[in-house]
Amino acid sequence: MEKFVEQTLLYDFYGELLTERQRQVYENVLLEDYSLSEVAGELGISRQGVHDMIRRCNKTLEGYEEKLHLVEKFLEIRKNVKIIEKLAEKEGNDEIMKISEAILEEL
């Protein structure tokens, strides 16, 4: 999986477990695409401090995933629902198609 996609999925699932400051820095750098220097200047910390915080956040989020496996389970469910959707499409079963679409929307 592409690193950026992996990081955003981890953040989506576990971001609320980070501190407010960690979330602010992580969102600015990863999601808003600010440079480390821009974030450092905005927060009054060093560029290295921002870099270190991003690394710690990544490590923390990966640690949560190692323990809880929520992203892994999410990806597996999504894959299985897409398989069901394809099978239902082949069979022309609209009811199953609607149910699988609803499940994918809920995920």
PDB file of N, CA and C in Angstrom:
ATOM      1  N   MET A   1       0.853  -1.178   0.000  1.00  0.00           N
ATOM      2  CA  MET A   1       0.000   0.000   0.000  1.00  0.00           C
ATOM      3  C   MET A   1       0.900   1.243   0.000  1.00  0.00           C
ATOM      4  N   GLU A   2       0.484   2.246  -0.741  1.00  0.00           N
ATOM      5  CA  GLU A   2       1.245   3.479  -0.814  1.00  0.00           C
ATOM      6  C   GLU A   2       1.353   4.088   0.591  1.00  0.00           C
ATOM      7  N   LYS A   3       2.531   4.618   0.910  1.00  0.00           N
ATOM      8  CA  LYS A   3       2.802   5.129   2.254  1.00  0.00           C
ATOM      9  C   LYS A   3       1.816   6.222   2.664  1.00  0.00           C
ATOM     10  N   PHE A   4       1.521   7.163   1.750  1.00  0.00           N
ATOM     11  CA  PHE A   4       0.601   8.252   2.078  1.00  0.00           C
ATOM     12  C   PHE A   4      -0.786   7.724   2.410  1.00  0.00           C
ATOM     13  N   VAL A   5      -1.264   6.776   1.609  1.00  0.00           N
ATOM     14  CA  VAL A   5      -2.588   6.192   1.850  1.00  0.00           C
ATOM     15  C   VAL A   5      -2.592   5.475   3.199  1.00  0.00           C
ATOM     16  N   GLU A   6      -1.532   4.760   3.470  1.00  0.00           N
ATOM     17  CA  GLU A   6      -1.420   4.050   4.743  1.00  0.00           C
ATOM     18  C   GLU A   6      -1.456   5.037   5.912  1.00  0.00           C
ATOM     19  N   GLN A   7      -0.693   6.124   5.790  1.00  0.00           N
ATOM     20  CA  GLN A   7      -0.659   7.124   6.863  1.00  0.00           C
ATOM     21  C   GLN A   7      -2.028   7.772   7.072  1.00  0.00           C
ATOM     22  N   THR A   8      -2.727   8.069   5.987  1.00  0.00           N
ATOM     23  CA  THR A   8      -4.034   8.704   6.142  1.00  0.00           C
ATOM     24  C   THR A   8      -5.056   7.737   6.738  1.00  0.00           C
ATOM     25  N   LEU A   9      -4.978   6.456   6.362  1.00  0.00           N
ATOM     26  CA  LEU A   9      -5.879   5.471   6.969  1.00  0.00           C
ATOM     27  C   LEU A   9      -5.598   5.329   8.465  1.00  0.00           C
ATOM     28  N   LEU A  10      -4.327   5.246   8.812  1.00  0.00           N
ATOM     29  CA  LEU A  10      -3.972   5.146  10.228  1.00  0.00           C
ATOM     30  C   LEU A  10      -4.475   6.366  10.989  1.00  0.00           C
ATOM     31  N   TYR A  11      -4.311   7.541  10.387  1.00  0.00           N
ATOM     32  CA  TYR A  11      -4.766   8.768  11.036  1.00  0.00           C
ATOM     33  C   TYR A  11      -6.288   8.781  11.161  1.00  0.00           C
ATOM     34  N   ASP A  12      -6.982   8.334  10.123  1.00  0.00           N
ATOM     35  CA  ASP A  12      -8.448   8.289  10.170  1.00  0.00           C
ATOM     36  C   ASP A  12      -8.935   7.416  11.322  1.00  0.00           C
ATOM     37  N   PHE A  13      -8.276   6.296  11.530  1.00  0.00           N
ATOM     38  CA  PHE A  13      -8.712   5.365  12.562  1.00  0.00           C
ATOM     39  C   PHE A  13      -8.229   5.742  13.962  1.00  0.00           C
ATOM     40  N   TYR A  14      -7.009   6.237  14.067  1.00  0.00           N
ATOM     41  CA  TYR A  14      -6.416   6.433  15.390  1.00  0.00           C
ATOM     42  C   TYR A  14      -6.032   7.874  15.708  1.00  0.00           C
ATOM     43  N   GLY A  15      -6.281   8.802  14.810  1.00  0.00           N
ATOM     44  CA  GLY A  15      -5.856  10.189  15.005  1.00  0.00           C
ATOM     45  C   GLY A  15      -6.386  10.819  16.280  1.00  0.00           C
ATOM     46  N   GLU A  16      -7.583  10.463  16.672  1.00  0.00           N
ATOM     47  CA  GLU A  16      -8.166  11.040  17.887  1.00  0.00           C
ATOM     48  C   GLU A  16      -7.399  10.637  19.147  1.00  0.00           C
ATOM     49  N   LEU A  17      -6.559   9.633  19.037  1.00  0.00           N
ATOM     50  CA  LEU A  17      -5.779   9.193  20.194  1.00  0.00           C
ATOM     51  C   LEU A  17      -4.496   9.998  20.362  1.00  0.00           C
ATOM     52  N   LEU A  18      -4.169  10.833  19.380  1.00  0.00           N
ATOM     53  CA  LEU A  18      -3.014  11.719  19.485  1.00  0.00           C
ATOM     54  C   LEU A  18      -3.412  12.962  20.284  1.00  0.00           C
ATOM     55  N   THR A  19      -2.409  13.672  20.788  1.00  0.00           N
ATOM     56  CA  THR A  19      -2.705  14.926  21.485  1.00  0.00           C
ATOM     57  C   THR A  19      -3.154  15.966  20.466  1.00  0.00           C
ATOM     58  N   GLU A  20      -3.756  17.035  20.947  1.00  0.00           N
ATOM     59  CA  GLU A  20      -4.224  18.106  20.058  1.00  0.00           C
ATOM     60  C   GLU A  20      -3.075  18.678  19.231  1.00  0.00           C
ATOM     61  N   ARG A  21      -1.941  18.900  19.869  1.00  0.00           N
ATOM     62  CA  ARG A  21      -0.770  19.468  19.171  1.00  0.00           C
ATOM     63  C   ARG A  21      -0.245  18.485  18.114  1.00  0.00           C
ATOM     64  N   GLN A  22      -0.180  17.206  18.470  1.00  0.00           N
ATOM     65  CA  GLN A  22       0.261  16.193  17.510  1.00  0.00           C
ATOM     66  C   GLN A  22      -0.678  16.154  16.306  1.00  0.00           C
ATOM     67  N   ARG A  23      -1.980  16.205  16.569  1.00  0.00           N
ATOM     68  CA  ARG A  23      -2.954  16.204  15.463  1.00  0.00           C
ATOM     69  C   ARG A  23      -2.765  17.430  14.573  1.00  0.00           C
ATOM     70  N   GLN A  24      -2.556  18.580  15.195  1.00  0.00           N
ATOM     71  CA  GLN A  24      -2.379  19.820  14.439  1.00  0.00           C
ATOM     72  C   GLN A  24      -1.167  19.716  13.515  1.00  0.00           C
ATOM     73  N   VAL A  25      -0.045  19.267  14.038  1.00  0.00           N
ATOM     74  CA  VAL A  25       1.182  19.142  13.246  1.00  0.00           C
ATOM     75  C   VAL A  25       1.003  18.079  12.167  1.00  0.00           C
ATOM     76  N   TYR A  26       0.467  16.934  12.538  1.00  0.00           N
ATOM     77  CA  TYR A  26       0.290  15.828  11.585  1.00  0.00           C
ATOM     78  C   TYR A  26      -0.630  16.239  10.441  1.00  0.00           C
ATOM     79  N   GLU A  27      -1.739  16.871  10.770  1.00  0.00           N
ATOM     80  CA  GLU A  27      -2.676  17.317   9.735  1.00  0.00           C
ATOM     81  C   GLU A  27      -2.047  18.354   8.819  1.00  0.00           C
ATOM     82  N   ASN A  28      -1.333  19.310   9.394  1.00  0.00           N
ATOM     83  CA  ASN A  28      -0.706  20.346   8.574  1.00  0.00           C
ATOM     84  C   ASN A  28       0.310  19.766   7.600  1.00  0.00           C
ATOM     85  N   VAL A  29       1.129  18.853   8.064  1.00  0.00           N
ATOM     86  CA  VAL A  29       2.190  18.306   7.215  1.00  0.00           C
ATOM     87  C   VAL A  29       1.647  17.262   6.243  1.00  0.00           C
ATOM     88  N   LEU A  30       0.901  16.292   6.748  1.00  0.00           N
ATOM     89  CA  LEU A  30       0.472  15.177   5.898  1.00  0.00           C
ATOM     90  C   LEU A  30      -0.773  15.478   5.078  1.00  0.00           C
ATOM     91  N   LEU A  31      -1.753  16.097   5.691  1.00  0.00           N
ATOM     92  CA  LEU A  31      -3.028  16.274   5.002  1.00  0.00           C
ATOM     93  C   LEU A  31      -3.127  17.608   4.263  1.00  0.00           C
ATOM     94  N   GLU A  32      -2.553  18.651   4.832  1.00  0.00           N
ATOM     95  CA  GLU A  32      -2.618  19.979   4.215  1.00  0.00           C
ATOM     96  C   GLU A  32      -1.398  20.257   3.339  1.00  0.00           C
ATOM     97  N   ASP A  33      -0.395  19.394   3.409  1.00  0.00           N
ATOM     98  CA  ASP A  33       0.815  19.486   2.596  1.00  0.00           C
ATOM     99  C   ASP A  33       1.641  20.746   2.861  1.00  0.00           C
ATOM    100  N   TYR A  34       1.665  21.194   4.126  1.00  0.00           N
ATOM    101  CA  TYR A  34       2.536  22.305   4.506  1.00  0.00           C
ATOM    102  C   TYR A  34       3.953  21.764   4.632  1.00  0.00           C
ATOM    103  N   SER A  35       4.913  22.625   4.417  1.00  0.00           N
ATOM    104  CA  SER A  35       6.299  22.200   4.600  1.00  0.00           C
ATOM    105  C   SER A  35       6.619  22.163   6.091  1.00  0.00           C
ATOM    106  N   LEU A  36       7.672  21.434   6.432  1.00  0.00           N
ATOM    107  CA  LEU A  36       8.097  21.383   7.833  1.00  0.00           C
ATOM    108  C   LEU A  36       8.437  22.777   8.334  1.00  0.00           C
ATOM    109  N   SER A  37       9.066  23.576   7.485  1.00  0.00           N
ATOM    110  CA  SER A  37       9.445  24.947   7.863  1.00  0.00           C
ATOM    111  C   SER A  37       8.221  25.812   8.122  1.00  0.00           C
ATOM    112  N   GLU A  38       7.189  25.668   7.288  1.00  0.00           N
ATOM    113  CA  GLU A  38       5.965  26.450   7.482  1.00  0.00           C
ATOM    114  C   GLU A  38       5.308  26.107   8.814  1.00  0.00           C
ATOM    115  N   VAL A  39       5.217  24.831   9.126  1.00  0.00           N
ATOM    116  CA  VAL A  39       4.600  24.403  10.376  1.00  0.00           C
ATOM    117  C   VAL A  39       5.454  24.849  11.560  1.00  0.00           C
ATOM    118  N   ALA A  40       6.758  24.720  11.419  1.00  0.00           N
ATOM    119  CA  ALA A  40       7.669  25.131  12.491  1.00  0.00           C
ATOM    120  C   ALA A  40       7.499  26.621  12.783  1.00  0.00           C
ATOM    121  N   GLY A  41       7.467  27.428  11.739  1.00  0.00           N
ATOM    122  CA  GLY A  41       7.302  28.865  11.920  1.00  0.00           C
ATOM    123  C   GLY A  41       5.973  29.212  12.551  1.00  0.00           C
ATOM    124  N   GLU A  42       4.930  28.533  12.145  1.00  0.00           N
ATOM    125  CA  GLU A  42       3.589  28.783  12.672  1.00  0.00           C
ATOM    126  C   GLU A  42       3.490  28.441  14.154  1.00  0.00           C
ATOM    127  N   LEU A  43       4.158  27.363  14.555  1.00  0.00           N
ATOM    128  CA  LEU A  43       4.059  26.890  15.935  1.00  0.00           C
ATOM    129  C   LEU A  43       5.201  27.359  16.829  1.00  0.00           C
ATOM    130  N   GLY A  44       6.195  28.011  16.245  1.00  0.00           N
ATOM    131  CA  GLY A  44       7.317  28.501  17.038  1.00  0.00           C
ATOM    132  C   GLY A  44       8.232  27.404  17.536  1.00  0.00           C
ATOM    133  N   ILE A  45       8.371  26.341  16.730  1.00  0.00           N
ATOM    134  CA  ILE A  45       9.309  25.272  17.081  1.00  0.00           C
ATOM    135  C   ILE A  45      10.257  25.062  15.911  1.00  0.00           C
ATOM    136  N   SER A  46      11.270  24.248  16.106  1.00  0.00           N
ATOM    137  CA  SER A  46      12.248  24.029  15.041  1.00  0.00           C
ATOM    138  C   SER A  46      11.694  23.084  13.983  1.00  0.00           C
ATOM    139  N   ARG A  47      12.289  23.165  12.810  1.00  0.00           N
ATOM    140  CA  ARG A  47      11.927  22.265  11.716  1.00  0.00           C
ATOM    141  C   ARG A  47      12.189  20.821  12.136  1.00  0.00           C
ATOM    142  N   GLN A  48      13.299  20.604  12.837  1.00  0.00           N
ATOM    143  CA  GLN A  48      13.639  19.271  13.334  1.00  0.00           C
ATOM    144  C   GLN A  48      12.599  18.781  14.335  1.00  0.00           C
ATOM    145  N   GLY A  49      12.086  19.697  15.146  1.00  0.00           N
ATOM    146  CA  GLY A  49      11.047  19.341  16.109  1.00  0.00           C
ATOM    147  C   GLY A  49       9.786  18.853  15.414  1.00  0.00           C
ATOM    148  N   VAL A  50       9.426  19.513  14.318  1.00  0.00           N
ATOM    149  CA  VAL A  50       8.257  19.093  13.531  1.00  0.00           C
ATOM    150  C   VAL A  50       8.515  17.716  12.933  1.00  0.00           C
ATOM    151  N   HIS A  51       9.698  17.531  12.363  1.00  0.00           N
ATOM    152  CA  HIS A  51      10.067  16.241  11.769  1.00  0.00           C
ATOM    153  C   HIS A  51      10.001  15.126  12.806  1.00  0.00           C
ATOM    154  N   ASP A  52      10.568  15.378  13.965  1.00  0.00           N
ATOM    155  CA  ASP A  52      10.558  14.372  15.035  1.00  0.00           C
ATOM    156  C   ASP A  52       9.136  14.048  15.495  1.00  0.00           C
ATOM    157  N   MET A  53       8.283  15.080  15.572  1.00  0.00           N
ATOM    158  CA  MET A  53       6.909  14.852  16.000  1.00  0.00           C
ATOM    159  C   MET A  53       6.162  13.995  14.976  1.00  0.00           C
ATOM    160  N   ILE A  54       6.387  14.240  13.691  1.00  0.00           N
ATOM    161  CA  ILE A  54       5.755  13.434  12.647  1.00  0.00           C
ATOM    162  C   ILE A  54       6.203  11.978  12.765  1.00  0.00           C
ATOM    163  N   ARG A  55       7.493  11.773  12.974  1.00  0.00           N
ATOM    164  CA  ARG A  55       8.011  10.405  13.130  1.00  0.00           C
ATOM    165  C   ARG A  55       7.394   9.726  14.350  1.00  0.00           C
ATOM    166  N   ARG A  56       7.291  10.454  15.467  1.00  0.00           N
ATOM    167  CA  ARG A  56       6.694   9.880  16.686  1.00  0.00           C
ATOM    168  C   ARG A  56       5.212   9.555  16.468  1.00  0.00           C
ATOM    169  N   CYS A  57       4.518  10.456  15.775  1.00  0.00           N
ATOM    170  CA  CYS A  57       3.103  10.215  15.480  1.00  0.00           C
ATOM    171  C   CYS A  57       2.940   8.961  14.617  1.00  0.00           C
ATOM    172  N   ASN A  58       3.759   8.845  13.585  1.00  0.00           N
ATOM    173  CA  ASN A  58       3.691   7.657  12.727  1.00  0.00           C
ATOM    174  C   ASN A  58       3.934   6.395  13.533  1.00  0.00           C
ATOM    175  N   LYS A  59       4.929   6.441  14.389  1.00  0.00           N
ATOM    176  CA  LYS A  59       5.260   5.277  15.216  1.00  0.00           C
ATOM    177  C   LYS A  59       4.105   4.946  16.172  1.00  0.00           C
ATOM    178  N   THR A  60       3.501   5.968  16.740  1.00  0.00           N
ATOM    179  CA  THR A  60       2.370   5.775  17.652  1.00  0.00           C
ATOM    180  C   THR A  60       1.178   5.167  16.915  1.00  0.00           C
ATOM    181  N   LEU A  61       0.851   5.731  15.752  1.00  0.00           N
ATOM    182  CA  LEU A  61      -0.280   5.231  14.968  1.00  0.00           C
ATOM    183  C   LEU A  61      -0.043   3.793  14.514  1.00  0.00           C
ATOM    184  N   GLU A  62       1.177   3.486  14.097  1.00  0.00           N
ATOM    185  CA  GLU A  62       1.515   2.122  13.695  1.00  0.00           C
ATOM    186  C   GLU A  62       1.422   1.170  14.882  1.00  0.00           C
ATOM    187  N   GLY A  63       1.792   1.654  16.063  1.00  0.00           N
ATOM    188  CA  GLY A  63       1.683   0.840  17.273  1.00  0.00           C
ATOM    189  C   GLY A  63       0.238   0.490  17.600  1.00  0.00           C
ATOM    190  N   TYR A  64      -0.650   1.471  17.436  1.00  0.00           N
ATOM    191  CA  TYR A  64      -2.074   1.196  17.648  1.00  0.00           C
ATOM    192  C   TYR A  64      -2.568   0.139  16.662  1.00  0.00           C
ATOM    193  N   GLU A  65      -2.146   0.256  15.407  1.00  0.00           N
ATOM    194  CA  GLU A  65      -2.575  -0.704  14.394  1.00  0.00           C
ATOM    195  C   GLU A  65      -2.045  -2.106  14.703  1.00  0.00           C
ATOM    196  N   GLU A  66      -0.816  -2.193  15.186  1.00  0.00           N
ATOM    197  CA  GLU A  66      -0.248  -3.495  15.539  1.00  0.00           C
ATOM    198  C   GLU A  66      -1.069  -4.176  16.628  1.00  0.00           C
ATOM    199  N   LYS A  67      -1.623  -3.376  17.537  1.00  0.00           N
ATOM    200  CA  LYS A  67      -2.392  -3.936  18.637  1.00  0.00           C
ATOM    201  C   LYS A  67      -3.857  -4.184  18.268  1.00  0.00           C
ATOM    202  N   LEU A  68      -4.459  -3.277  17.495  1.00  0.00           N
ATOM    203  CA  LEU A  68      -5.896  -3.333  17.256  1.00  0.00           C
ATOM    204  C   LEU A  68      -6.306  -3.847  15.880  1.00  0.00           C
ATOM    205  N   HIS A  69      -5.462  -3.703  14.895  1.00  0.00           N
ATOM    206  CA  HIS A  69      -5.699  -4.191  13.524  1.00  0.00           C
ATOM    207  C   HIS A  69      -6.985  -3.651  12.891  1.00  0.00           C
ATOM    208  N   LEU A  70      -7.387  -2.444  13.228  1.00  0.00           N
ATOM    209  CA  LEU A  70      -8.628  -1.888  12.679  1.00  0.00           C
ATOM    210  C   LEU A  70      -8.511  -1.579  11.189  1.00  0.00           C
ATOM    211  N   VAL A  71      -7.376  -1.044  10.761  1.00  0.00           N
ATOM    212  CA  VAL A  71      -7.185  -0.733   9.341  1.00  0.00           C
ATOM    213  C   VAL A  71      -7.153  -2.024   8.538  1.00  0.00           C
ATOM    214  N   GLU A  72      -6.443  -3.005   9.043  1.00  0.00           N
ATOM    215  CA  GLU A  72      -6.366  -4.309   8.371  1.00  0.00           C
ATOM    216  C   GLU A  72      -7.756  -4.920   8.204  1.00  0.00           C
ATOM    217  N   LYS A  73      -8.559  -4.880   9.262  1.00  0.00           N
ATOM    218  CA  LYS A  73      -9.917  -5.424   9.206  1.00  0.00           C
ATOM    219  C   LYS A  73     -10.776  -4.627   8.225  1.00  0.00           C
ATOM    220  N   PHE A  74     -10.645  -3.314   8.241  1.00  0.00           N
ATOM    221  CA  PHE A  74     -11.385  -2.451   7.331  1.00  0.00           C
ATOM    222  C   PHE A  74     -11.079  -2.796   5.876  1.00  0.00           C
ATOM    223  N   LEU A  75      -9.804  -2.927   5.557  1.00  0.00           N
ATOM    224  CA  LEU A  75      -9.401  -3.233   4.184  1.00  0.00           C
ATOM    225  C   LEU A  75      -9.895  -4.617   3.750  1.00  0.00           C
ATOM    226  N   GLU A  76      -9.867  -5.564   4.660  1.00  0.00           N
ATOM    227  CA  GLU A  76     -10.349  -6.918   4.356  1.00  0.00           C
ATOM    228  C   GLU A  76     -11.861  -6.919   4.109  1.00  0.00           C
ATOM    229  N   ILE A  77     -12.599  -6.218   4.943  1.00  0.00           N
ATOM    230  CA  ILE A  77     -14.055  -6.134   4.755  1.00  0.00           C
ATOM    231  C   ILE A  77     -14.377  -5.455   3.429  1.00  0.00           C
ATOM    232  N   ARG A  78     -13.684  -4.366   3.139  1.00  0.00           N
ATOM    233  CA  ARG A  78     -13.930  -3.643   1.883  1.00  0.00           C
ATOM    234  C   ARG A  78     -13.648  -4.541   0.678  1.00  0.00           C
ATOM    235  N   LYS A  79     -12.558  -5.290   0.752  1.00  0.00           N
ATOM    236  CA  LYS A  79     -12.213  -6.197  -0.342  1.00  0.00           C
ATOM    237  C   LYS A  79     -13.296  -7.265  -0.525  1.00  0.00           C
ATOM    238  N   ASN A  80     -13.746  -7.848   0.569  1.00  0.00           N
ATOM    239  CA  ASN A  80     -14.769  -8.895   0.493  1.00  0.00           C
ATOM    240  C   ASN A  80     -16.103  -8.362  -0.016  1.00  0.00           C
ATOM    241  N   VAL A  81     -16.472  -7.168   0.394  1.00  0.00           N
ATOM    242  CA  VAL A  81     -17.722  -6.581  -0.080  1.00  0.00           C
ATOM    243  C   VAL A  81     -17.642  -6.295  -1.575  1.00  0.00           C
ATOM    244  N   LYS A  82     -16.493  -5.861  -2.051  1.00  0.00           N
ATOM    245  CA  LYS A  82     -16.333  -5.624  -3.493  1.00  0.00           C
ATOM    246  C   LYS A  82     -16.441  -6.941  -4.275  1.00  0.00           C
ATOM    247  N   ILE A  83     -15.934  -8.021  -3.711  1.00  0.00           N
ATOM    248  CA  ILE A  83     -16.077  -9.342  -4.347  1.00  0.00           C
ATOM    249  C   ILE A  83     -17.551  -9.732  -4.399  1.00  0.00           C
ATOM    250  N   ILE A  84     -18.251  -9.533  -3.296  1.00  0.00           N
ATOM    251  CA  ILE A  84     -19.694  -9.832  -3.266  1.00  0.00           C
ATOM    252  C   ILE A  84     -20.425  -8.991  -4.298  1.00  0.00           C
ATOM    253  N   GLU A  85     -20.052  -7.743  -4.389  1.00  0.00           N
ATOM    254  CA  GLU A  85     -20.686  -6.831  -5.350  1.00  0.00           C
ATOM    255  C   GLU A  85     -20.485  -7.322  -6.788  1.00  0.00           C
ATOM    256  N   LYS A  86     -19.283  -7.771  -7.110  1.00  0.00           N
ATOM    257  CA  LYS A  86     -19.006  -8.283  -8.456  1.00  0.00           C
ATOM    258  C   LYS A  86     -19.810  -9.547  -8.740  1.00  0.00           C
ATOM    259  N   LEU A  87     -19.886 -10.435  -7.756  1.00  0.00           N
ATOM    260  CA  LEU A  87     -20.668 -11.663  -7.926  1.00  0.00           C
ATOM    261  C   LEU A  87     -22.149 -11.344  -8.101  1.00  0.00           C
ATOM    262  N   ALA A  88     -22.645 -10.405  -7.333  1.00  0.00           N
ATOM    263  CA  ALA A  88     -24.052 -10.014  -7.444  1.00  0.00           C
ATOM    264  C   ALA A  88     -24.333  -9.378  -8.801  1.00  0.00           C
ATOM    265  N   GLU A  89     -23.375  -8.614  -9.286  1.00  0.00           N
ATOM    266  CA  GLU A  89     -23.527  -7.980 -10.592  1.00  0.00           C
ATOM    267  C   GLU A  89     -23.616  -9.032 -11.696  1.00  0.00           C
ATOM    268  N   LYS A  90     -22.764 -10.069 -11.594  1.00  0.00           N
ATOM    269  CA  LYS A  90     -22.800 -11.169 -12.568  1.00  0.00           C
ATOM    270  C   LYS A  90     -24.149 -11.865 -12.566  1.00  0.00           C
ATOM    271  N   GLU A  91     -24.678 -12.062 -11.364  1.00  0.00           N
ATOM    272  CA  GLU A  91     -25.945 -12.775 -11.210  1.00  0.00           C
ATOM    273  C   GLU A  91     -27.149 -11.866 -11.449  1.00  0.00           C
ATOM    274  N   GLY A  92     -26.903 -10.569 -11.520  1.00  0.00           N
ATOM    275  CA  GLY A  92     -27.997  -9.625 -11.725  1.00  0.00           C
ATOM    276  C   GLY A  92     -28.878  -9.459 -10.501  1.00  0.00           C
ATOM    277  N   ASN A  93     -28.313  -9.665  -9.313  1.00  0.00           N
ATOM    278  CA  ASN A  93     -29.080  -9.544  -8.075  1.00  0.00           C
ATOM    279  C   ASN A  93     -28.976  -8.110  -7.548  1.00  0.00           C
ATOM    280  N   ASP A  94     -29.998  -7.318  -7.828  1.00  0.00           N
ATOM    281  CA  ASP A  94     -29.994  -5.908  -7.436  1.00  0.00           C
ATOM    282  C   ASP A  94     -30.040  -5.713  -5.930  1.00  0.00           C
ATOM    283  N   GLU A  95     -30.725  -6.595  -5.227  1.00  0.00           N
ATOM    284  CA  GLU A  95     -30.839  -6.462  -3.775  1.00  0.00           C
ATOM    285  C   GLU A  95     -29.475  -6.610  -3.110  1.00  0.00           C
ATOM    286  N   ILE A  96     -28.717  -7.602  -3.524  1.00  0.00           N
ATOM    287  CA  ILE A  96     -27.371  -7.789  -2.969  1.00  0.00           C
ATOM    288  C   ILE A  96     -26.480  -6.606  -3.347  1.00  0.00           C
ATOM    289  N   MET A  97     -26.636  -6.112  -4.567  1.00  0.00           N
ATOM    290  CA  MET A  97     -25.864  -4.943  -4.997  1.00  0.00           C
ATOM    291  C   MET A  97     -26.145  -3.753  -4.087  1.00  0.00           C
ATOM    292  N   LYS A  98     -27.398  -3.516  -3.763  1.00  0.00           N
ATOM    293  CA  LYS A  98     -27.773  -2.388  -2.902  1.00  0.00           C
ATOM    294  C   LYS A  98     -27.200  -2.568  -1.501  1.00  0.00           C
ATOM    295  N   ILE A  99     -27.271  -3.784  -0.990  1.00  0.00           N
ATOM    296  CA  ILE A  99     -26.741  -4.059   0.349  1.00  0.00           C
ATOM    297  C   ILE A  99     -25.230  -3.853   0.373  1.00  0.00           C
ATOM    298  N   SER A 100     -24.525  -4.360  -0.640  1.00  0.00           N
ATOM    299  CA  SER A 100     -23.070  -4.203  -0.663  1.00  0.00           C
ATOM    300  C   SER A 100     -22.685  -2.745  -0.820  1.00  0.00           C
ATOM    301  N   GLU A 101     -23.423  -1.987  -1.611  1.00  0.00           N
ATOM    302  CA  GLU A 101     -23.159  -0.552  -1.748  1.00  0.00           C
ATOM    303  C   GLU A 101     -23.369   0.169  -0.413  1.00  0.00           C
ATOM    304  N   ALA A 102     -24.414  -0.217   0.313  1.00  0.00           N
ATOM    305  CA  ALA A 102     -24.686   0.388   1.620  1.00  0.00           C
ATOM    306  C   ALA A 102     -23.558   0.081   2.603  1.00  0.00           C
ATOM    307  N   ILE A 103     -23.063  -1.149   2.561  1.00  0.00           N
ATOM    308  CA  ILE A 103     -21.949  -1.528   3.454  1.00  0.00           C
ATOM    309  C   ILE A 103     -20.724  -0.701   3.122  1.00  0.00           C
ATOM    310  N   LEU A 104     -20.396  -0.566   1.832  1.00  0.00           N
ATOM    311  CA  LEU A 104     -19.229   0.222   1.434  1.00  0.00           C
ATOM    312  C   LEU A 104     -19.364   1.680   1.841  1.00  0.00           C
ATOM    313  N   GLU A 105     -20.568   2.223   1.771  1.00  0.00           N
ATOM    314  CA  GLU A 105     -20.772   3.605   2.192  1.00  0.00           C
ATOM    315  C   GLU A 105     -20.560   3.755   3.700  1.00  0.00           C
ATOM    316  N   GLU A 106     -20.997   2.759   4.465  1.00  0.00           N
ATOM    317  CA  GLU A 106     -20.832   2.795   5.917  1.00  0.00           C
ATOM    318  C   GLU A 106     -19.372   2.718   6.338  1.00  0.00           C
ATOM    319  N   LEU A 107     -18.570   2.007   5.550  1.00  0.00           N
ATOM    320  CA  LEU A 107     -17.159   1.878   5.881  1.00  0.00           C
ATOM    321  C   LEU A 107     -16.500   3.210   5.702  1.00  0.00           C
TER     322      LEU A 107
END
